[in-house]
Amino acid sequence: MRTPAGRSTLGAFVVLPLEQQLNDPAGRSAIAERLTRDFERMRRACLAAAQRGNYAEHRKLNLLVECLSAARRVVERSASFENAPSTAVNKGIHHDRR
């Protein structure tokens, strides 16, 4: 499936663009689960690299672990924001950005 420029997907096996998945609670849950699995896999690889004494690989994997952790927090926060009843949008507060 081709996606328009500027659209992202989480892996080549994903049918829906990431943005559409984030709009759906089940999609957010699936993304968070995948990020958690990837996070754990990279964390284990990072520890193994450190034990082998391969510090260059350890630093690279550590950066990936941090990125996956941050991505998971963003997905979890978007779910919390989506479910929050007192957001500015729900209160009818709009900001004119000209």
N, C-alpha and C. Protein backbone atom coordinates (compact mmCIF):
# COMPACT_ATOMS: atom_id res chain seq x y z
N MET A 1 0.84 -1.18 0.00
CA MET A 1 0.00 0.00 0.00
C MET A 1 0.89 1.24 0.00
N ARG A 2 0.60 2.14 -0.86
CA ARG A 2 1.35 3.40 -0.91
C ARG A 2 0.69 4.40 0.02
N THR A 3 1.52 5.16 0.69
CA THR A 3 1.00 6.22 1.55
C THR A 3 1.46 7.55 0.99
N PRO A 4 0.64 8.60 1.16
CA PRO A 4 1.04 9.91 0.64
C PRO A 4 2.31 10.41 1.33
N ALA A 5 3.01 11.28 0.65
CA ALA A 5 4.22 11.87 1.24
C ALA A 5 3.83 12.57 2.53
N GLY A 6 4.68 12.45 3.50
CA GLY A 6 4.40 13.08 4.79
C GLY A 6 3.64 12.17 5.73
N ARG A 7 3.19 11.04 5.25
CA ARG A 7 2.49 10.07 6.11
C ARG A 7 3.48 8.99 6.51
N SER A 8 3.33 8.49 7.71
CA SER A 8 4.26 7.47 8.18
C SER A 8 3.51 6.18 8.48
N THR A 9 4.25 5.10 8.47
CA THR A 9 3.68 3.82 8.89
C THR A 9 4.65 3.17 9.84
N LEU A 10 4.13 2.35 10.72
CA LEU A 10 4.97 1.66 11.68
C LEU A 10 5.28 0.28 11.13
N GLY A 11 6.31 0.20 10.31
CA GLY A 11 6.69 -1.07 9.69
C GLY A 11 5.98 -1.27 8.38
N ALA A 12 6.57 -2.06 7.53
CA ALA A 12 6.02 -2.29 6.19
C ALA A 12 4.78 -3.16 6.22
N PHE A 13 4.55 -3.90 7.30
CA PHE A 13 3.42 -4.82 7.38
C PHE A 13 2.12 -4.12 7.77
N VAL A 14 2.18 -2.86 8.12
CA VAL A 14 1.00 -2.13 8.59
C VAL A 14 0.14 -1.73 7.40
N VAL A 15 -1.14 -1.99 7.51
CA VAL A 15 -2.06 -1.65 6.43
C VAL A 15 -2.50 -0.20 6.54
N LEU A 16 -2.83 0.25 7.74
CA LEU A 16 -3.30 1.61 7.93
C LEU A 16 -2.14 2.55 8.24
N PRO A 17 -2.20 3.78 7.75
CA PRO A 17 -1.19 4.75 8.16
C PRO A 17 -1.22 4.93 9.68
N LEU A 18 -0.09 5.26 10.23
CA LEU A 18 0.05 5.41 11.67
C LEU A 18 -0.96 6.40 12.23
N GLU A 19 -1.21 7.47 11.51
CA GLU A 19 -2.13 8.49 11.99
C GLU A 19 -3.54 7.93 12.17
N GLN A 20 -3.98 7.05 11.27
CA GLN A 20 -5.30 6.43 11.40
C GLN A 20 -5.33 5.48 12.58
N GLN A 21 -4.26 4.75 12.80
CA GLN A 21 -4.21 3.84 13.94
C GLN A 21 -4.28 4.61 15.26
N LEU A 22 -3.63 5.77 15.32
CA LEU A 22 -3.64 6.57 16.54
C LEU A 22 -5.02 7.12 16.86
N ASN A 23 -5.87 7.27 15.85
CA ASN A 23 -7.23 7.77 16.08
C ASN A 23 -8.14 6.71 16.68
N ASP A 24 -7.73 5.47 16.65
CA ASP A 24 -8.56 4.36 17.13
C ASP A 24 -7.95 3.80 18.42
N PRO A 25 -8.74 3.66 19.49
CA PRO A 25 -8.20 3.12 20.74
C PRO A 25 -7.53 1.75 20.56
N ALA A 26 -8.11 0.88 19.76
CA ALA A 26 -7.50 -0.43 19.52
C ALA A 26 -6.18 -0.28 18.76
N GLY A 27 -6.12 0.67 17.85
CA GLY A 27 -4.88 0.94 17.11
C GLY A 27 -3.78 1.44 18.03
N ARG A 28 -4.14 2.37 18.94
CA ARG A 28 -3.16 2.88 19.91
C ARG A 28 -2.64 1.75 20.79
N SER A 29 -3.55 0.89 21.21
CA SER A 29 -3.15 -0.24 22.05
C SER A 29 -2.19 -1.16 21.31
N ALA A 30 -2.49 -1.45 20.05
CA ALA A 30 -1.62 -2.32 19.25
C ALA A 30 -0.24 -1.69 19.05
N ILE A 31 -0.21 -0.38 18.81
CA ILE A 31 1.06 0.32 18.64
C ILE A 31 1.86 0.27 19.94
N ALA A 32 1.21 0.55 21.06
CA ALA A 32 1.90 0.52 22.35
C ALA A 32 2.46 -0.87 22.65
N GLU A 33 1.70 -1.91 22.32
CA GLU A 33 2.18 -3.28 22.53
C GLU A 33 3.41 -3.58 21.68
N ARG A 34 3.38 -3.16 20.41
CA ARG A 34 4.53 -3.38 19.53
C ARG A 34 5.76 -2.63 20.03
N LEU A 35 5.53 -1.38 20.45
CA LEU A 35 6.65 -0.58 20.96
C LEU A 35 7.23 -1.22 22.22
N THR A 36 6.36 -1.77 23.07
CA THR A 36 6.83 -2.42 24.29
C THR A 36 7.67 -3.65 23.95
N ARG A 37 7.21 -4.46 23.01
CA ARG A 37 7.98 -5.64 22.60
C ARG A 37 9.33 -5.23 22.01
N ASP A 38 9.31 -4.22 21.13
CA ASP A 38 10.56 -3.75 20.52
C ASP A 38 11.50 -3.16 21.58
N PHE A 39 10.92 -2.42 22.52
CA PHE A 39 11.70 -1.84 23.61
C PHE A 39 12.42 -2.93 24.40
N GLU A 40 11.69 -3.97 24.78
CA GLU A 40 12.29 -5.06 25.56
C GLU A 40 13.38 -5.79 24.76
N ARG A 41 13.12 -6.01 23.48
CA ARG A 41 14.10 -6.69 22.63
C ARG A 41 15.39 -5.86 22.51
N MET A 42 15.24 -4.56 22.30
CA MET A 42 16.41 -3.68 22.17
C MET A 42 17.15 -3.54 23.50
N ARG A 43 16.39 -3.49 24.60
CA ARG A 43 17.00 -3.38 25.92
C ARG A 43 17.87 -4.60 26.21
N ARG A 44 17.36 -5.78 25.87
CA ARG A 44 18.15 -7.01 26.06
C ARG A 44 19.40 -7.00 25.18
N ALA A 45 19.26 -6.55 23.94
CA ALA A 45 20.41 -6.48 23.03
C ALA A 45 21.43 -5.47 23.54
N CYS A 46 20.95 -4.38 24.11
CA CYS A 46 21.83 -3.35 24.66
C CYS A 46 22.64 -3.92 25.83
N LEU A 47 21.98 -4.65 26.72
CA LEU A 47 22.68 -5.26 27.85
C LEU A 47 23.69 -6.29 27.38
N ALA A 48 23.33 -7.07 26.37
CA ALA A 48 24.25 -8.08 25.82
C ALA A 48 25.48 -7.42 25.21
N ALA A 49 25.28 -6.30 24.51
CA ALA A 49 26.42 -5.59 23.91
C ALA A 49 27.36 -5.07 24.99
N ALA A 50 26.80 -4.58 26.08
CA ALA A 50 27.63 -4.08 27.18
C ALA A 50 28.42 -5.23 27.81
N GLN A 51 27.78 -6.38 27.97
CA GLN A 51 28.46 -7.53 28.56
C GLN A 51 29.59 -8.03 27.66
N ARG A 52 29.42 -7.90 26.35
CA ARG A 52 30.47 -8.31 25.41
C ARG A 52 31.59 -7.28 25.34
N GLY A 53 31.37 -6.10 25.90
CA GLY A 53 32.37 -5.05 25.85
C GLY A 53 32.31 -4.23 24.57
N ASN A 54 31.24 -4.39 23.80
CA ASN A 54 31.07 -3.63 22.56
C ASN A 54 30.33 -2.33 22.88
N TYR A 55 31.09 -1.33 23.32
CA TYR A 55 30.49 -0.11 23.83
C TYR A 55 29.92 0.78 22.73
N ALA A 56 30.46 0.71 21.52
CA ALA A 56 29.89 1.49 20.41
C ALA A 56 28.49 0.98 20.09
N GLU A 57 28.35 -0.34 20.01
CA GLU A 57 27.03 -0.94 19.76
C GLU A 57 26.10 -0.65 20.93
N HIS A 58 26.63 -0.72 22.14
CA HIS A 58 25.82 -0.45 23.33
C HIS A 58 25.24 0.96 23.29
N ARG A 59 26.05 1.94 22.93
CA ARG A 59 25.58 3.34 22.87
C ARG A 59 24.48 3.49 21.82
N LYS A 60 24.67 2.87 20.65
CA LYS A 60 23.66 2.95 19.59
C LYS A 60 22.36 2.30 20.02
N LEU A 61 22.46 1.11 20.60
CA LEU A 61 21.26 0.41 21.05
C LEU A 61 20.58 1.16 22.20
N ASN A 62 21.37 1.78 23.06
CA ASN A 62 20.80 2.55 24.16
C ASN A 62 19.98 3.72 23.63
N LEU A 63 20.47 4.36 22.58
CA LEU A 63 19.72 5.45 21.96
C LEU A 63 18.40 4.93 21.38
N LEU A 64 18.44 3.77 20.74
CA LEU A 64 17.20 3.18 20.22
C LEU A 64 16.22 2.85 21.34
N VAL A 65 16.73 2.34 22.44
CA VAL A 65 15.88 2.04 23.60
C VAL A 65 15.20 3.31 24.10
N GLU A 66 15.96 4.39 24.20
CA GLU A 66 15.40 5.66 24.65
C GLU A 66 14.34 6.17 23.68
N CYS A 67 14.58 6.04 22.38
CA CYS A 67 13.61 6.47 21.37
C CYS A 67 12.32 5.66 21.44
N LEU A 68 12.45 4.34 21.59
CA LEU A 68 11.27 3.49 21.69
C LEU A 68 10.48 3.80 22.96
N SER A 69 11.17 4.07 24.03
CA SER A 69 10.51 4.42 25.28
C SER A 69 9.74 5.73 25.13
N ALA A 70 10.37 6.71 24.50
CA ALA A 70 9.71 8.00 24.28
C ALA A 70 8.50 7.85 23.36
N ALA A 71 8.64 7.05 22.32
CA ALA A 71 7.52 6.82 21.40
C ALA A 71 6.35 6.17 22.11
N ARG A 72 6.64 5.22 22.97
CA ARG A 72 5.58 4.55 23.72
C ARG A 72 4.87 5.54 24.64
N ARG A 73 5.62 6.42 25.30
CA ARG A 73 5.00 7.43 26.17
C ARG A 73 4.11 8.37 25.37
N VAL A 74 4.53 8.74 24.17
CA VAL A 74 3.72 9.62 23.32
C VAL A 74 2.39 8.95 22.98
N VAL A 75 2.44 7.68 22.62
CA VAL A 75 1.21 6.94 22.28
C VAL A 75 0.32 6.85 23.50
N GLU A 76 0.89 6.54 24.66
CA GLU A 76 0.09 6.43 25.88
C GLU A 76 -0.51 7.77 26.27
N ARG A 77 0.24 8.85 26.11
CA ARG A 77 -0.29 10.18 26.44
C ARG A 77 -1.37 10.60 25.46
N SER A 78 -1.23 10.22 24.19
CA SER A 78 -2.28 10.58 23.22
C SER A 78 -3.58 9.89 23.59
N ALA A 79 -3.51 8.67 24.11
CA ALA A 79 -4.71 7.98 24.56
C ALA A 79 -5.30 8.70 25.77
N SER A 80 -4.46 9.13 26.70
CA SER A 80 -4.94 9.85 27.88
C SER A 80 -5.56 11.18 27.48
N PHE A 81 -4.92 11.89 26.56
CA PHE A 81 -5.44 13.18 26.10
C PHE A 81 -6.77 12.99 25.40
N GLU A 82 -6.87 11.96 24.59
CA GLU A 82 -8.09 11.67 23.84
C GLU A 82 -9.25 11.38 24.79
N ASN A 83 -8.98 10.74 25.90
CA ASN A 83 -10.02 10.36 26.85
C ASN A 83 -10.31 11.43 27.89
N ALA A 84 -9.52 12.49 27.93
CA ALA A 84 -9.72 13.53 28.94
C ALA A 84 -10.93 14.38 28.58
N PRO A 85 -11.89 14.50 29.51
CA PRO A 85 -13.11 15.25 29.21
C PRO A 85 -12.94 16.76 29.29
N SER A 86 -11.86 17.24 29.88
CA SER A 86 -11.74 18.68 30.12
C SER A 86 -10.72 19.36 29.21
N THR A 87 -10.53 18.85 28.02
CA THR A 87 -9.59 19.50 27.11
C THR A 87 -10.17 20.80 26.59
N ALA A 88 -9.31 21.67 26.13
CA ALA A 88 -9.75 22.96 25.61
C ALA A 88 -10.71 22.79 24.44
N VAL A 89 -10.49 21.81 23.61
CA VAL A 89 -11.37 21.59 22.46
C VAL A 89 -12.76 21.20 22.94
N ASN A 90 -12.82 20.32 23.95
CA ASN A 90 -14.11 19.90 24.47
C ASN A 90 -14.85 21.03 25.17
N LYS A 91 -14.13 22.02 25.68
CA LYS A 91 -14.76 23.16 26.34
C LYS A 91 -15.17 24.23 25.34
N GLY A 92 -14.87 24.03 24.09
CA GLY A 92 -15.23 25.01 23.07
C GLY A 92 -14.24 26.14 22.96
N ILE A 93 -13.07 26.00 23.52
CA ILE A 93 -12.04 27.04 23.44
C ILE A 93 -11.23 26.79 22.19
N HIS A 94 -11.20 27.77 21.32
CA HIS A 94 -10.44 27.64 20.08
C HIS A 94 -9.46 28.80 19.99
N HIS A 95 -8.30 28.52 19.50
CA HIS A 95 -7.29 29.56 19.32
C HIS A 95 -7.16 29.85 17.84
N ASP A 96 -7.27 31.11 17.49
CA ASP A 96 -7.14 31.51 16.09
C ASP A 96 -5.66 31.68 15.78
N ARG A 97 -5.13 30.83 14.91
CA ARG A 97 -3.71 30.89 14.56
C ARG A 97 -3.57 31.43 13.15
N ARG A 98 -3.41 32.70 13.05
CA ARG A 98 -3.24 33.33 11.74
C ARG A 98 -1.83 33.76 11.54
